[in-house]
Amino acid sequence: MAEGNIINKPAWYQTKVQSINAEARRLFENYSGFKPDEVLPHVLKLLNLPKIHRQRDEAFSIWHYPCIGQLRFLSFSLPEHTVYSRVLARLREDPSSHFLEAGCYFGQEIRYLADQGIPGIQLMGCDVEPAFFDLGYKLFRDQNTLGATFVSGDLTSEQCLESSTGISRCLANMVDIVFASSLFQLWNYECQVHAAINFGSPLPR
């Protein structure tokens, strides 16, 4: 990040944001409790910091992902998936089942499930950058209510499955469903295969 909190952004970074998609707005209003006129200003600002920075700019300074620069992280992938109804039914019918959002960024898909009534104890997220977890809590204002588990780590590393890592404990003991819609495209083929093996090897069932 440049001096004075000025972030150099590529041409595709959207600077004039007038609205967000309807489903994201609904989530902020119904799940997070924002008033309609509070939603967009909150997404664009980190209101609870001493110095007013843009929420999205802070995230973009961590990783220059197009999904952040173009606000695509607020377009939910899980409810559009063909197996979404089965995932939701499994989590509702079996309280011992667990869902992991791999490469979770802000944990937006986790919040979508929480809004559908899935208890936080069944929800987990992992990302290589733990700073996103705190930003997710600030974005959705649910640090004291969500109850989900977030762990950091590199899913492509040889150490990923060591028993001491949080990811290993999650995969080996709890996870039934892994969702990774915004992850594999970030890697080359070799890393994709390695991560897939790491996901699948320890799953208990």
N, C-alpha and C. Protein backbone atom coordinates (compact mmCIF):
# COMPACT_ATOMS: atom_id res chain seq x y z
N MET A 1 0.85 -1.18 0.00
CA MET A 1 0.00 0.00 0.00
C MET A 1 0.88 1.23 0.00
N ALA A 2 0.54 2.25 -0.76
CA ALA A 2 1.36 3.44 -0.84
C ALA A 2 1.17 4.30 0.40
N GLU A 3 2.07 5.27 0.60
CA GLU A 3 2.01 6.15 1.75
C GLU A 3 0.71 6.92 1.75
N GLY A 4 0.16 7.15 2.97
CA GLY A 4 -1.09 7.89 3.07
C GLY A 4 -2.30 7.03 2.81
N ASN A 5 -2.16 5.71 2.89
CA ASN A 5 -3.28 4.78 2.70
C ASN A 5 -3.87 4.86 1.31
N ILE A 6 -3.09 5.28 0.33
CA ILE A 6 -3.54 5.31 -1.05
C ILE A 6 -3.15 4.00 -1.71
N ILE A 7 -4.12 3.32 -2.28
CA ILE A 7 -3.88 2.01 -2.87
C ILE A 7 -3.90 2.12 -4.38
N ASN A 8 -2.86 1.65 -5.04
CA ASN A 8 -2.84 1.63 -6.49
C ASN A 8 -3.72 0.51 -6.99
N LYS A 9 -4.70 0.84 -7.82
CA LYS A 9 -5.68 -0.14 -8.25
C LYS A 9 -5.65 -0.28 -9.77
N PRO A 10 -5.90 -1.48 -10.28
CA PRO A 10 -5.96 -1.69 -11.73
C PRO A 10 -7.22 -1.07 -12.32
N ALA A 11 -7.26 -1.03 -13.65
CA ALA A 11 -8.38 -0.38 -14.34
C ALA A 11 -9.71 -1.04 -14.06
N TRP A 12 -9.72 -2.36 -13.78
CA TRP A 12 -10.99 -3.05 -13.57
C TRP A 12 -11.57 -2.85 -12.17
N TYR A 13 -10.84 -2.16 -11.29
CA TYR A 13 -11.35 -1.90 -9.94
C TYR A 13 -12.49 -0.88 -10.04
N GLN A 14 -13.66 -1.24 -9.54
CA GLN A 14 -14.83 -0.38 -9.63
C GLN A 14 -14.80 0.67 -8.53
N THR A 15 -14.71 1.93 -8.92
CA THR A 15 -14.64 3.01 -7.95
C THR A 15 -15.98 3.71 -7.74
N LYS A 16 -16.85 3.68 -8.73
CA LYS A 16 -18.15 4.35 -8.61
C LYS A 16 -19.23 3.29 -8.42
N VAL A 17 -19.39 2.88 -7.18
CA VAL A 17 -20.37 1.85 -6.85
C VAL A 17 -21.65 2.52 -6.38
N GLN A 18 -22.74 2.29 -7.09
CA GLN A 18 -24.02 2.91 -6.76
C GLN A 18 -24.98 1.95 -6.08
N SER A 19 -24.73 0.64 -6.22
CA SER A 19 -25.65 -0.34 -5.64
C SER A 19 -24.94 -1.68 -5.52
N ILE A 20 -25.55 -2.57 -4.75
CA ILE A 20 -25.10 -3.96 -4.69
C ILE A 20 -26.28 -4.85 -5.05
N ASN A 21 -26.02 -6.12 -5.32
CA ASN A 21 -27.10 -6.98 -5.79
C ASN A 21 -28.15 -7.18 -4.71
N ALA A 22 -29.36 -7.49 -5.14
CA ALA A 22 -30.51 -7.54 -4.24
C ALA A 22 -30.37 -8.59 -3.15
N GLU A 23 -29.78 -9.74 -3.48
CA GLU A 23 -29.65 -10.80 -2.49
C GLU A 23 -28.67 -10.41 -1.39
N ALA A 24 -27.59 -9.73 -1.75
CA ALA A 24 -26.65 -9.26 -0.73
C ALA A 24 -27.30 -8.19 0.14
N ARG A 25 -28.05 -7.30 -0.48
CA ARG A 25 -28.76 -6.27 0.30
C ARG A 25 -29.73 -6.91 1.28
N ARG A 26 -30.44 -7.93 0.82
CA ARG A 26 -31.39 -8.62 1.70
C ARG A 26 -30.67 -9.23 2.90
N LEU A 27 -29.49 -9.82 2.64
CA LEU A 27 -28.74 -10.44 3.73
C LEU A 27 -28.29 -9.40 4.75
N PHE A 28 -27.79 -8.27 4.28
CA PHE A 28 -27.36 -7.23 5.20
C PHE A 28 -28.52 -6.70 6.04
N GLU A 29 -29.69 -6.60 5.43
CA GLU A 29 -30.85 -6.09 6.16
C GLU A 29 -31.43 -7.13 7.10
N ASN A 30 -31.63 -8.36 6.62
CA ASN A 30 -32.30 -9.39 7.42
C ASN A 30 -31.37 -10.07 8.41
N TYR A 31 -30.15 -10.37 7.98
CA TYR A 31 -29.21 -11.09 8.84
C TYR A 31 -28.42 -10.15 9.74
N SER A 32 -27.85 -9.10 9.16
CA SER A 32 -27.00 -8.19 9.94
C SER A 32 -27.79 -7.07 10.61
N GLY A 33 -29.02 -6.84 10.16
CA GLY A 33 -29.86 -5.85 10.82
C GLY A 33 -29.65 -4.41 10.38
N PHE A 34 -29.09 -4.20 9.19
CA PHE A 34 -28.91 -2.85 8.70
C PHE A 34 -30.21 -2.28 8.15
N LYS A 35 -30.37 -0.98 8.29
CA LYS A 35 -31.46 -0.30 7.61
C LYS A 35 -31.11 -0.18 6.13
N PRO A 36 -32.11 -0.08 5.25
CA PRO A 36 -31.83 -0.05 3.81
C PRO A 36 -30.81 1.01 3.40
N ASP A 37 -30.89 2.20 4.00
CA ASP A 37 -29.99 3.27 3.59
C ASP A 37 -28.60 3.16 4.22
N GLU A 38 -28.41 2.16 5.08
CA GLU A 38 -27.11 1.97 5.72
C GLU A 38 -26.24 0.95 4.99
N VAL A 39 -26.85 0.14 4.14
CA VAL A 39 -26.15 -1.01 3.58
C VAL A 39 -24.96 -0.59 2.71
N LEU A 40 -25.20 0.19 1.67
CA LEU A 40 -24.11 0.54 0.75
C LEU A 40 -23.00 1.34 1.44
N PRO A 41 -23.32 2.36 2.25
CA PRO A 41 -22.23 3.05 2.95
C PRO A 41 -21.40 2.13 3.83
N HIS A 42 -22.05 1.15 4.44
CA HIS A 42 -21.29 0.22 5.30
C HIS A 42 -20.36 -0.65 4.48
N VAL A 43 -20.83 -1.14 3.34
CA VAL A 43 -19.98 -1.98 2.50
C VAL A 43 -18.76 -1.20 2.03
N LEU A 44 -18.94 0.07 1.74
CA LEU A 44 -17.85 0.87 1.19
C LEU A 44 -16.97 1.51 2.27
N LYS A 45 -17.40 1.46 3.49
CA LYS A 45 -16.61 2.05 4.57
C LYS A 45 -16.42 1.05 5.70
N LEU A 46 -15.35 1.21 6.41
CA LEU A 46 -15.15 0.47 7.65
C LEU A 46 -15.43 1.46 8.77
N LEU A 47 -16.71 1.51 9.19
CA LEU A 47 -17.18 2.60 10.03
C LEU A 47 -16.61 2.57 11.44
N ASN A 48 -16.20 1.42 11.93
CA ASN A 48 -15.78 1.32 13.32
C ASN A 48 -14.28 1.44 13.53
N LEU A 49 -13.54 1.93 12.51
CA LEU A 49 -12.12 2.20 12.68
C LEU A 49 -11.91 3.67 13.00
N PRO A 50 -10.89 4.01 13.79
CA PRO A 50 -10.63 5.41 14.12
C PRO A 50 -10.46 6.29 12.89
N LYS A 51 -9.73 5.78 11.90
CA LYS A 51 -9.59 6.49 10.63
C LYS A 51 -10.51 5.83 9.62
N ILE A 52 -11.28 6.63 8.92
CA ILE A 52 -12.25 6.08 7.99
C ILE A 52 -11.54 5.59 6.73
N HIS A 53 -11.46 4.26 6.60
CA HIS A 53 -10.95 3.64 5.38
C HIS A 53 -12.11 2.94 4.72
N ARG A 54 -12.01 2.73 3.46
CA ARG A 54 -13.02 1.94 2.78
C ARG A 54 -12.82 0.47 3.12
N GLN A 55 -13.94 -0.17 3.49
CA GLN A 55 -13.89 -1.59 3.84
C GLN A 55 -13.26 -2.39 2.71
N ARG A 56 -13.70 -2.13 1.50
CA ARG A 56 -13.21 -2.90 0.36
C ARG A 56 -11.75 -2.56 0.07
N ASP A 57 -11.36 -1.31 0.24
CA ASP A 57 -9.97 -0.93 0.01
C ASP A 57 -9.04 -1.65 0.98
N GLU A 58 -9.48 -1.82 2.22
CA GLU A 58 -8.65 -2.52 3.19
C GLU A 58 -8.47 -3.97 2.77
N ALA A 59 -9.55 -4.59 2.31
CA ALA A 59 -9.45 -5.97 1.83
C ALA A 59 -8.58 -6.05 0.59
N PHE A 60 -8.74 -5.08 -0.32
CA PHE A 60 -7.98 -5.09 -1.56
C PHE A 60 -6.49 -4.90 -1.30
N SER A 61 -6.16 -4.20 -0.22
CA SER A 61 -4.75 -4.01 0.12
C SER A 61 -4.10 -5.31 0.59
N ILE A 62 -4.92 -6.28 1.04
CA ILE A 62 -4.40 -7.57 1.48
C ILE A 62 -4.12 -8.45 0.27
N TRP A 63 -5.13 -8.61 -0.61
CA TRP A 63 -4.98 -9.40 -1.82
C TRP A 63 -5.70 -8.69 -2.95
N HIS A 64 -5.04 -8.54 -4.10
CA HIS A 64 -5.63 -7.84 -5.23
C HIS A 64 -6.54 -8.76 -6.04
N TYR A 65 -7.59 -9.26 -5.44
CA TYR A 65 -8.49 -10.18 -6.12
C TYR A 65 -9.58 -9.41 -6.87
N PRO A 66 -9.87 -9.78 -8.12
CA PRO A 66 -10.97 -9.15 -8.84
C PRO A 66 -12.31 -9.27 -8.12
N CYS A 67 -12.52 -10.36 -7.39
CA CYS A 67 -13.80 -10.53 -6.70
C CYS A 67 -14.01 -9.45 -5.65
N ILE A 68 -12.91 -8.86 -5.15
CA ILE A 68 -13.01 -7.75 -4.20
C ILE A 68 -13.12 -6.44 -4.96
N GLY A 69 -12.23 -6.25 -5.93
CA GLY A 69 -12.22 -5.00 -6.69
C GLY A 69 -13.49 -4.76 -7.47
N GLN A 70 -14.17 -5.83 -7.87
CA GLN A 70 -15.41 -5.71 -8.64
C GLN A 70 -16.64 -6.07 -7.82
N LEU A 71 -16.48 -6.23 -6.51
CA LEU A 71 -17.58 -6.55 -5.59
C LEU A 71 -18.27 -7.86 -5.91
N ARG A 72 -17.59 -8.75 -6.62
CA ARG A 72 -18.21 -10.04 -6.94
C ARG A 72 -18.35 -10.93 -5.72
N PHE A 73 -17.63 -10.61 -4.65
CA PHE A 73 -17.75 -11.44 -3.45
C PHE A 73 -19.14 -11.31 -2.83
N LEU A 74 -19.92 -10.32 -3.25
CA LEU A 74 -21.29 -10.17 -2.76
C LEU A 74 -22.31 -10.83 -3.67
N SER A 75 -21.86 -11.56 -4.67
CA SER A 75 -22.75 -12.38 -5.50
C SER A 75 -22.57 -13.82 -5.06
N PHE A 76 -23.53 -14.33 -4.34
CA PHE A 76 -23.39 -15.64 -3.70
C PHE A 76 -23.42 -16.76 -4.73
N SER A 77 -22.47 -17.69 -4.59
CA SER A 77 -22.36 -18.82 -5.50
C SER A 77 -23.13 -20.04 -5.02
N LEU A 78 -23.13 -20.27 -3.72
CA LEU A 78 -23.73 -21.48 -3.17
C LEU A 78 -25.20 -21.64 -3.52
N PRO A 79 -26.06 -20.64 -3.34
CA PRO A 79 -27.48 -20.84 -3.64
C PRO A 79 -27.77 -21.05 -5.12
N GLU A 80 -26.80 -20.75 -5.99
CA GLU A 80 -26.98 -20.96 -7.42
C GLU A 80 -26.51 -22.34 -7.85
N HIS A 81 -25.87 -23.08 -6.97
CA HIS A 81 -25.33 -24.39 -7.32
C HIS A 81 -26.45 -25.42 -7.40
N THR A 82 -26.27 -26.38 -8.29
CA THR A 82 -27.32 -27.39 -8.51
C THR A 82 -27.56 -28.27 -7.29
N VAL A 83 -26.58 -28.41 -6.41
CA VAL A 83 -26.75 -29.26 -5.23
C VAL A 83 -27.08 -28.46 -3.98
N TYR A 84 -27.36 -27.18 -4.13
CA TYR A 84 -27.60 -26.34 -2.95
C TYR A 84 -28.73 -26.88 -2.08
N SER A 85 -29.82 -27.29 -2.68
CA SER A 85 -30.96 -27.78 -1.90
C SER A 85 -30.57 -29.02 -1.09
N ARG A 86 -29.71 -29.86 -1.66
CA ARG A 86 -29.24 -31.05 -0.94
C ARG A 86 -28.32 -30.67 0.22
N VAL A 87 -27.46 -29.68 -0.02
CA VAL A 87 -26.57 -29.21 1.04
C VAL A 87 -27.38 -28.65 2.20
N LEU A 88 -28.36 -27.82 1.87
CA LEU A 88 -29.19 -27.20 2.90
C LEU A 88 -29.97 -28.26 3.68
N ALA A 89 -30.52 -29.23 2.95
CA ALA A 89 -31.29 -30.29 3.61
C ALA A 89 -30.40 -31.12 4.53
N ARG A 90 -29.19 -31.44 4.08
CA ARG A 90 -28.26 -32.23 4.89
C ARG A 90 -27.92 -31.51 6.19
N LEU A 91 -27.63 -30.24 6.10
CA LEU A 91 -27.25 -29.48 7.28
C LEU A 91 -28.43 -29.31 8.24
N ARG A 92 -29.62 -29.17 7.68
CA ARG A 92 -30.80 -29.01 8.54
C ARG A 92 -31.21 -30.32 9.20
N GLU A 93 -31.12 -31.41 8.46
CA GLU A 93 -31.60 -32.69 8.97
C GLU A 93 -30.60 -33.40 9.87
N ASP A 94 -29.32 -33.10 9.70
CA ASP A 94 -28.28 -33.76 10.49
C ASP A 94 -27.44 -32.71 11.21
N PRO A 95 -27.77 -32.39 12.45
CA PRO A 95 -27.02 -31.36 13.20
C PRO A 95 -25.55 -31.71 13.42
N SER A 96 -25.17 -32.97 13.21
CA SER A 96 -23.77 -33.35 13.38
C SER A 96 -22.95 -33.11 12.11
N SER A 97 -23.60 -32.74 11.01
CA SER A 97 -22.89 -32.50 9.75
C SER A 97 -22.29 -31.10 9.75
N HIS A 98 -21.19 -30.94 9.00
CA HIS A 98 -20.48 -29.67 8.98
C HIS A 98 -20.13 -29.25 7.55
N PHE A 99 -20.14 -27.96 7.33
CA PHE A 99 -19.88 -27.34 6.03
C PHE A 99 -18.62 -26.50 6.12
N LEU A 100 -17.70 -26.70 5.17
CA LEU A 100 -16.47 -25.91 5.11
C LEU A 100 -16.45 -25.10 3.83
N GLU A 101 -16.33 -23.78 3.96
CA GLU A 101 -16.12 -22.91 2.81
C GLU A 101 -14.61 -22.69 2.67
N ALA A 102 -14.01 -23.30 1.67
CA ALA A 102 -12.57 -23.21 1.46
C ALA A 102 -12.26 -22.00 0.57
N GLY A 103 -11.28 -21.20 0.98
CA GLY A 103 -11.05 -19.95 0.30
C GLY A 103 -12.20 -19.01 0.56
N CYS A 104 -12.50 -18.81 1.85
CA CYS A 104 -13.78 -18.18 2.21
C CYS A 104 -13.78 -16.66 2.11
N TYR A 105 -12.59 -16.03 1.98
CA TYR A 105 -12.55 -14.56 1.99
C TYR A 105 -13.26 -14.02 3.23
N PHE A 106 -14.37 -13.30 3.01
CA PHE A 106 -15.14 -12.72 4.12
C PHE A 106 -16.08 -13.73 4.78
N GLY A 107 -16.21 -14.91 4.20
CA GLY A 107 -17.15 -15.89 4.73
C GLY A 107 -18.58 -15.59 4.34
N GLN A 108 -18.77 -15.04 3.15
CA GLN A 108 -20.11 -14.63 2.73
C GLN A 108 -21.06 -15.80 2.53
N GLU A 109 -20.55 -16.91 2.01
CA GLU A 109 -21.42 -18.08 1.82
C GLU A 109 -21.83 -18.66 3.18
N ILE A 110 -20.94 -18.59 4.13
CA ILE A 110 -21.25 -19.04 5.49
C ILE A 110 -22.37 -18.20 6.07
N ARG A 111 -22.30 -16.88 5.86
CA ARG A 111 -23.37 -16.02 6.36
C ARG A 111 -24.69 -16.31 5.66
N TYR A 112 -24.63 -16.67 4.40
CA TYR A 112 -25.86 -17.01 3.68
C TYR A 112 -26.52 -18.21 4.34
N LEU A 113 -25.74 -19.22 4.68
CA LEU A 113 -26.29 -20.41 5.34
C LEU A 113 -26.80 -20.07 6.75
N ALA A 114 -26.07 -19.23 7.46
CA ALA A 114 -26.52 -18.82 8.79
C ALA A 114 -27.87 -18.11 8.70
N ASP A 115 -28.06 -17.32 7.66
CA ASP A 115 -29.33 -16.63 7.47
C ASP A 115 -30.46 -17.61 7.15
N GLN A 116 -30.10 -18.78 6.63
CA GLN A 116 -31.09 -19.82 6.34
C GLN A 116 -31.38 -20.68 7.56
N GLY A 117 -30.79 -20.33 8.69
CA GLY A 117 -31.07 -21.03 9.93
C GLY A 117 -30.08 -22.10 10.33
N ILE A 118 -28.97 -22.23 9.59
CA ILE A 118 -27.97 -23.23 9.95
C ILE A 118 -27.14 -22.70 11.11
N PRO A 119 -27.05 -23.43 12.22
CA PRO A 119 -26.27 -22.97 13.37
C PRO A 119 -24.79 -22.79 13.03
N GLY A 120 -24.19 -21.77 13.61
CA GLY A 120 -22.79 -21.49 13.34
C GLY A 120 -21.86 -22.63 13.71
N ILE A 121 -22.25 -23.45 14.66
CA ILE A 121 -21.40 -24.56 15.08
C ILE A 121 -21.19 -25.57 13.96
N GLN A 122 -22.07 -25.55 12.94
CA GLN A 122 -21.93 -26.45 11.79
C GLN A 122 -21.16 -25.83 10.64
N LEU A 123 -20.73 -24.59 10.78
CA LEU A 123 -20.14 -23.85 9.68
C LEU A 123 -18.67 -23.53 9.95
N MET A 124 -17.84 -23.72 8.92
CA MET A 124 -16.41 -23.45 9.03
C MET A 124 -15.90 -22.78 7.76
N GLY A 125 -14.87 -21.98 7.92
CA GLY A 125 -14.23 -21.34 6.78
C GLY A 125 -12.72 -21.39 6.92
N CYS A 126 -12.03 -21.50 5.80
CA CYS A 126 -10.56 -21.45 5.83
C CYS A 126 -10.07 -20.56 4.71
N ASP A 127 -8.96 -19.89 4.96
CA ASP A 127 -8.35 -19.02 3.97
C ASP A 127 -6.88 -18.87 4.30
N VAL A 128 -6.07 -18.62 3.30
CA VAL A 128 -4.64 -18.45 3.53
C VAL A 128 -4.36 -17.15 4.26
N GLU A 129 -5.29 -16.18 4.19
CA GLU A 129 -5.09 -14.88 4.82
C GLU A 129 -6.09 -14.68 5.96
N PRO A 130 -5.67 -14.81 7.21
CA PRO A 130 -6.60 -14.70 8.34
C PRO A 130 -7.18 -13.30 8.53
N ALA A 131 -6.56 -12.28 7.94
CA ALA A 131 -7.10 -10.92 8.09
C ALA A 131 -8.51 -10.81 7.52
N PHE A 132 -8.84 -11.67 6.55
CA PHE A 132 -10.19 -11.65 5.99
C PHE A 132 -11.25 -12.04 7.02
N PHE A 133 -10.89 -12.87 7.99
CA PHE A 133 -11.87 -13.30 8.98
C PHE A 133 -12.38 -12.10 9.78
N ASP A 134 -11.46 -11.26 10.23
CA ASP A 134 -11.84 -10.08 11.00
C ASP A 134 -12.66 -9.12 10.16
N LEU A 135 -12.26 -8.95 8.89
CA LEU A 135 -13.02 -8.08 8.00
C LEU A 135 -14.43 -8.62 7.79
N GLY A 136 -14.56 -9.96 7.73
CA GLY A 136 -15.89 -10.55 7.58
C GLY A 136 -16.77 -10.26 8.77
N TYR A 137 -16.21 -10.36 9.97
CA TYR A 137 -16.99 -10.02 11.17
C TYR A 137 -17.42 -8.56 11.15
N LYS A 138 -16.52 -7.69 10.72
CA LYS A 138 -16.86 -6.27 10.66
C LYS A 138 -17.89 -6.00 9.57
N LEU A 139 -17.77 -6.71 8.46
CA LEU A 139 -18.70 -6.51 7.35
C LEU A 139 -20.11 -6.91 7.73
N PHE A 140 -20.24 -8.07 8.38
CA PHE A 140 -21.57 -8.59 8.71
C PHE A 140 -21.99 -8.33 10.16
N ARG A 141 -21.12 -7.75 10.95
CA ARG A 141 -21.41 -7.40 12.34
C ARG A 141 -21.96 -8.58 13.13
N ASP A 142 -21.24 -9.68 13.13
CA ASP A 142 -21.76 -10.88 13.79
C ASP A 142 -20.70 -11.62 14.59
N GLN A 143 -19.66 -10.93 15.03
CA GLN A 143 -18.58 -11.62 15.73
C GLN A 143 -19.07 -12.30 17.01
N ASN A 144 -20.07 -11.73 17.66
CA ASN A 144 -20.56 -12.29 18.91
C ASN A 144 -21.76 -13.20 18.73
N THR A 145 -22.20 -13.39 17.50
CA THR A 145 -23.41 -14.18 17.27
C THR A 145 -23.25 -15.33 16.29
N LEU A 146 -22.28 -15.25 15.38
CA LEU A 146 -22.17 -16.26 14.32
C LEU A 146 -21.82 -17.64 14.88
N GLY A 147 -20.76 -17.74 15.64
CA GLY A 147 -20.37 -19.02 16.24
C GLY A 147 -19.71 -20.00 15.30
N ALA A 148 -19.29 -19.55 14.11
CA ALA A 148 -18.60 -20.42 13.16
C ALA A 148 -17.12 -20.52 13.50
N THR A 149 -16.45 -21.48 12.88
CA THR A 149 -15.02 -21.69 13.08
C THR A 149 -14.25 -21.24 11.84
N PHE A 150 -13.21 -20.42 12.02
CA PHE A 150 -12.37 -19.98 10.92
C PHE A 150 -10.93 -20.38 11.21
N VAL A 151 -10.27 -20.99 10.23
CA VAL A 151 -8.88 -21.39 10.38
C VAL A 151 -8.10 -20.93 9.15
N SER A 152 -6.83 -20.61 9.35
CA SER A 152 -5.99 -20.15 8.24
C SER A 152 -4.95 -21.20 7.91
N GLY A 153 -4.52 -21.20 6.65
CA GLY A 153 -3.49 -22.13 6.22
C GLY A 153 -3.45 -22.23 4.71
N ASP A 154 -2.34 -22.75 4.21
CA ASP A 154 -2.14 -22.94 2.78
C ASP A 154 -2.55 -24.35 2.40
N LEU A 155 -3.65 -24.47 1.69
CA LEU A 155 -4.19 -25.79 1.33
C LEU A 155 -3.31 -26.54 0.34
N THR A 156 -2.35 -25.88 -0.27
CA THR A 156 -1.47 -26.55 -1.23
C THR A 156 -0.16 -27.00 -0.61
N SER A 157 0.06 -26.70 0.65
CA SER A 157 1.36 -27.00 1.27
C SER A 157 1.42 -28.43 1.77
N GLU A 158 2.63 -28.93 1.90
CA GLU A 158 2.84 -30.28 2.42
C GLU A 158 2.46 -30.37 3.89
N GLN A 159 2.49 -29.24 4.59
CA GLN A 159 2.21 -29.23 6.02
C GLN A 159 0.72 -29.11 6.33
N CYS A 160 -0.10 -28.98 5.29
CA CYS A 160 -1.53 -28.73 5.49
C CYS A 160 -2.19 -29.79 6.35
N LEU A 161 -1.81 -31.05 6.15
CA LEU A 161 -2.48 -32.14 6.84
C LEU A 161 -1.78 -32.58 8.12
N GLU A 162 -0.76 -31.85 8.54
CA GLU A 162 -0.13 -32.19 9.81
C GLU A 162 -1.14 -32.00 10.93
N SER A 163 -1.10 -32.89 11.91
CA SER A 163 -2.13 -32.93 12.95
C SER A 163 -2.22 -31.65 13.75
N SER A 164 -1.15 -30.85 13.74
CA SER A 164 -1.14 -29.64 14.56
C SER A 164 -1.88 -28.47 13.91
N THR A 165 -2.22 -28.56 12.63
CA THR A 165 -2.84 -27.43 11.94
C THR A 165 -4.35 -27.43 12.13
N GLY A 166 -4.93 -26.21 12.13
CA GLY A 166 -6.37 -26.09 12.28
C GLY A 166 -7.12 -26.70 11.13
N ILE A 167 -6.60 -26.57 9.91
CA ILE A 167 -7.27 -27.14 8.74
C ILE A 167 -7.32 -28.65 8.86
N SER A 168 -6.23 -29.26 9.29
CA SER A 168 -6.20 -30.71 9.44
C SER A 168 -7.24 -31.18 10.44
N ARG A 169 -7.35 -30.49 11.56
CA ARG A 169 -8.32 -30.88 12.57
C ARG A 169 -9.74 -30.76 12.04
N CYS A 170 -10.01 -29.71 11.27
CA CYS A 170 -11.35 -29.54 10.70
C CYS A 170 -11.67 -30.66 9.73
N LEU A 171 -10.75 -30.93 8.81
CA LEU A 171 -11.01 -31.95 7.79
C LEU A 171 -11.11 -33.34 8.39
N ALA A 172 -10.24 -33.64 9.33
CA ALA A 172 -10.18 -35.00 9.86
C ALA A 172 -11.33 -35.34 10.78
N ASN A 173 -11.86 -34.36 11.48
CA ASN A 173 -12.81 -34.66 12.53
C ASN A 173 -14.24 -34.23 12.25
N MET A 174 -14.45 -33.26 11.37
CA MET A 174 -15.78 -32.68 11.33
C MET A 174 -16.41 -32.52 9.95
N VAL A 175 -15.64 -32.23 8.93
CA VAL A 175 -16.21 -31.73 7.68
C VAL A 175 -16.90 -32.82 6.86
N ASP A 176 -18.11 -32.54 6.44
CA ASP A 176 -18.87 -33.43 5.56
C ASP A 176 -19.00 -32.83 4.16
N ILE A 177 -19.04 -31.50 4.07
CA ILE A 177 -19.26 -30.81 2.81
C ILE A 177 -18.19 -29.74 2.65
N VAL A 178 -17.48 -29.76 1.52
CA VAL A 178 -16.48 -28.74 1.21
C VAL A 178 -16.96 -27.95 0.00
N PHE A 179 -17.00 -26.63 0.13
CA PHE A 179 -17.42 -25.75 -0.96
C PHE A 179 -16.25 -24.83 -1.29
N ALA A 180 -15.82 -24.83 -2.55
CA ALA A 180 -14.62 -24.06 -2.94
C ALA A 180 -14.84 -23.39 -4.28
N SER A 181 -15.82 -22.51 -4.36
CA SER A 181 -16.19 -21.93 -5.65
C SER A 181 -15.24 -20.84 -6.13
N SER A 182 -14.47 -20.24 -5.22
CA SER A 182 -13.61 -19.11 -5.60
C SER A 182 -12.16 -19.38 -5.25
N LEU A 183 -11.72 -20.60 -5.48
CA LEU A 183 -10.41 -20.99 -4.99
C LEU A 183 -9.51 -21.61 -6.05
N PHE A 184 -9.97 -22.66 -6.71
CA PHE A 184 -9.08 -23.46 -7.55
C PHE A 184 -8.54 -22.68 -8.75
N GLN A 185 -9.27 -21.67 -9.21
CA GLN A 185 -8.79 -20.91 -10.37
C GLN A 185 -7.56 -20.07 -10.03
N LEU A 186 -7.24 -19.95 -8.75
CA LEU A 186 -6.07 -19.17 -8.34
C LEU A 186 -4.76 -19.93 -8.50
N TRP A 187 -4.85 -21.24 -8.71
CA TRP A 187 -3.66 -22.10 -8.73
C TRP A 187 -3.42 -22.70 -10.10
N ASN A 188 -2.19 -23.18 -10.31
CA ASN A 188 -1.91 -23.97 -11.50
C ASN A 188 -2.43 -25.39 -11.27
N TYR A 189 -2.33 -26.22 -12.30
CA TYR A 189 -2.92 -27.56 -12.22
C TYR A 189 -2.32 -28.39 -11.10
N GLU A 190 -1.01 -28.32 -10.94
CA GLU A 190 -0.35 -29.12 -9.91
C GLU A 190 -0.87 -28.76 -8.51
N CYS A 191 -1.01 -27.47 -8.26
CA CYS A 191 -1.53 -27.04 -6.96
C CYS A 191 -2.98 -27.43 -6.78
N GLN A 192 -3.76 -27.38 -7.86
CA GLN A 192 -5.16 -27.78 -7.79
C GLN A 192 -5.28 -29.24 -7.36
N VAL A 193 -4.48 -30.10 -7.98
CA VAL A 193 -4.52 -31.53 -7.64
C VAL A 193 -4.10 -31.74 -6.20
N HIS A 194 -3.05 -31.06 -5.77
CA HIS A 194 -2.55 -31.23 -4.41
C HIS A 194 -3.61 -30.80 -3.40
N ALA A 195 -4.27 -29.68 -3.66
CA ALA A 195 -5.31 -29.21 -2.74
C ALA A 195 -6.48 -30.17 -2.70
N ALA A 196 -6.87 -30.70 -3.86
CA ALA A 196 -7.98 -31.65 -3.91
C ALA A 196 -7.67 -32.90 -3.10
N ILE A 197 -6.44 -33.36 -3.18
CA ILE A 197 -6.02 -34.52 -2.39
C ILE A 197 -6.08 -34.19 -0.89
N ASN A 198 -5.63 -32.99 -0.55
CA ASN A 198 -5.68 -32.57 0.85
C ASN A 198 -7.11 -32.51 1.36
N PHE A 199 -8.02 -32.06 0.52
CA PHE A 199 -9.43 -32.00 0.91
C PHE A 199 -9.99 -33.40 1.14
N GLY A 200 -9.71 -34.30 0.20
CA GLY A 200 -10.37 -35.59 0.22
C GLY A 200 -9.79 -36.62 1.14
N SER A 201 -8.50 -36.60 1.34
CA SER A 201 -7.85 -37.68 2.09
C SER A 201 -8.36 -37.89 3.51
N PRO A 202 -8.53 -36.81 4.30
CA PRO A 202 -8.88 -37.05 5.69
C PRO A 202 -10.37 -37.12 5.98
N LEU A 203 -11.23 -36.92 4.97
CA LEU A 203 -12.66 -36.86 5.24
C LEU A 203 -13.15 -38.16 5.86
N PRO A 204 -13.87 -38.08 6.97
CA PRO A 204 -14.26 -39.29 7.68
C PRO A 204 -15.36 -40.08 7.01
N ARG A 205 -16.17 -39.42 6.17
CA ARG A 205 -17.28 -40.13 5.54
C ARG A 205 -17.74 -39.40 4.30
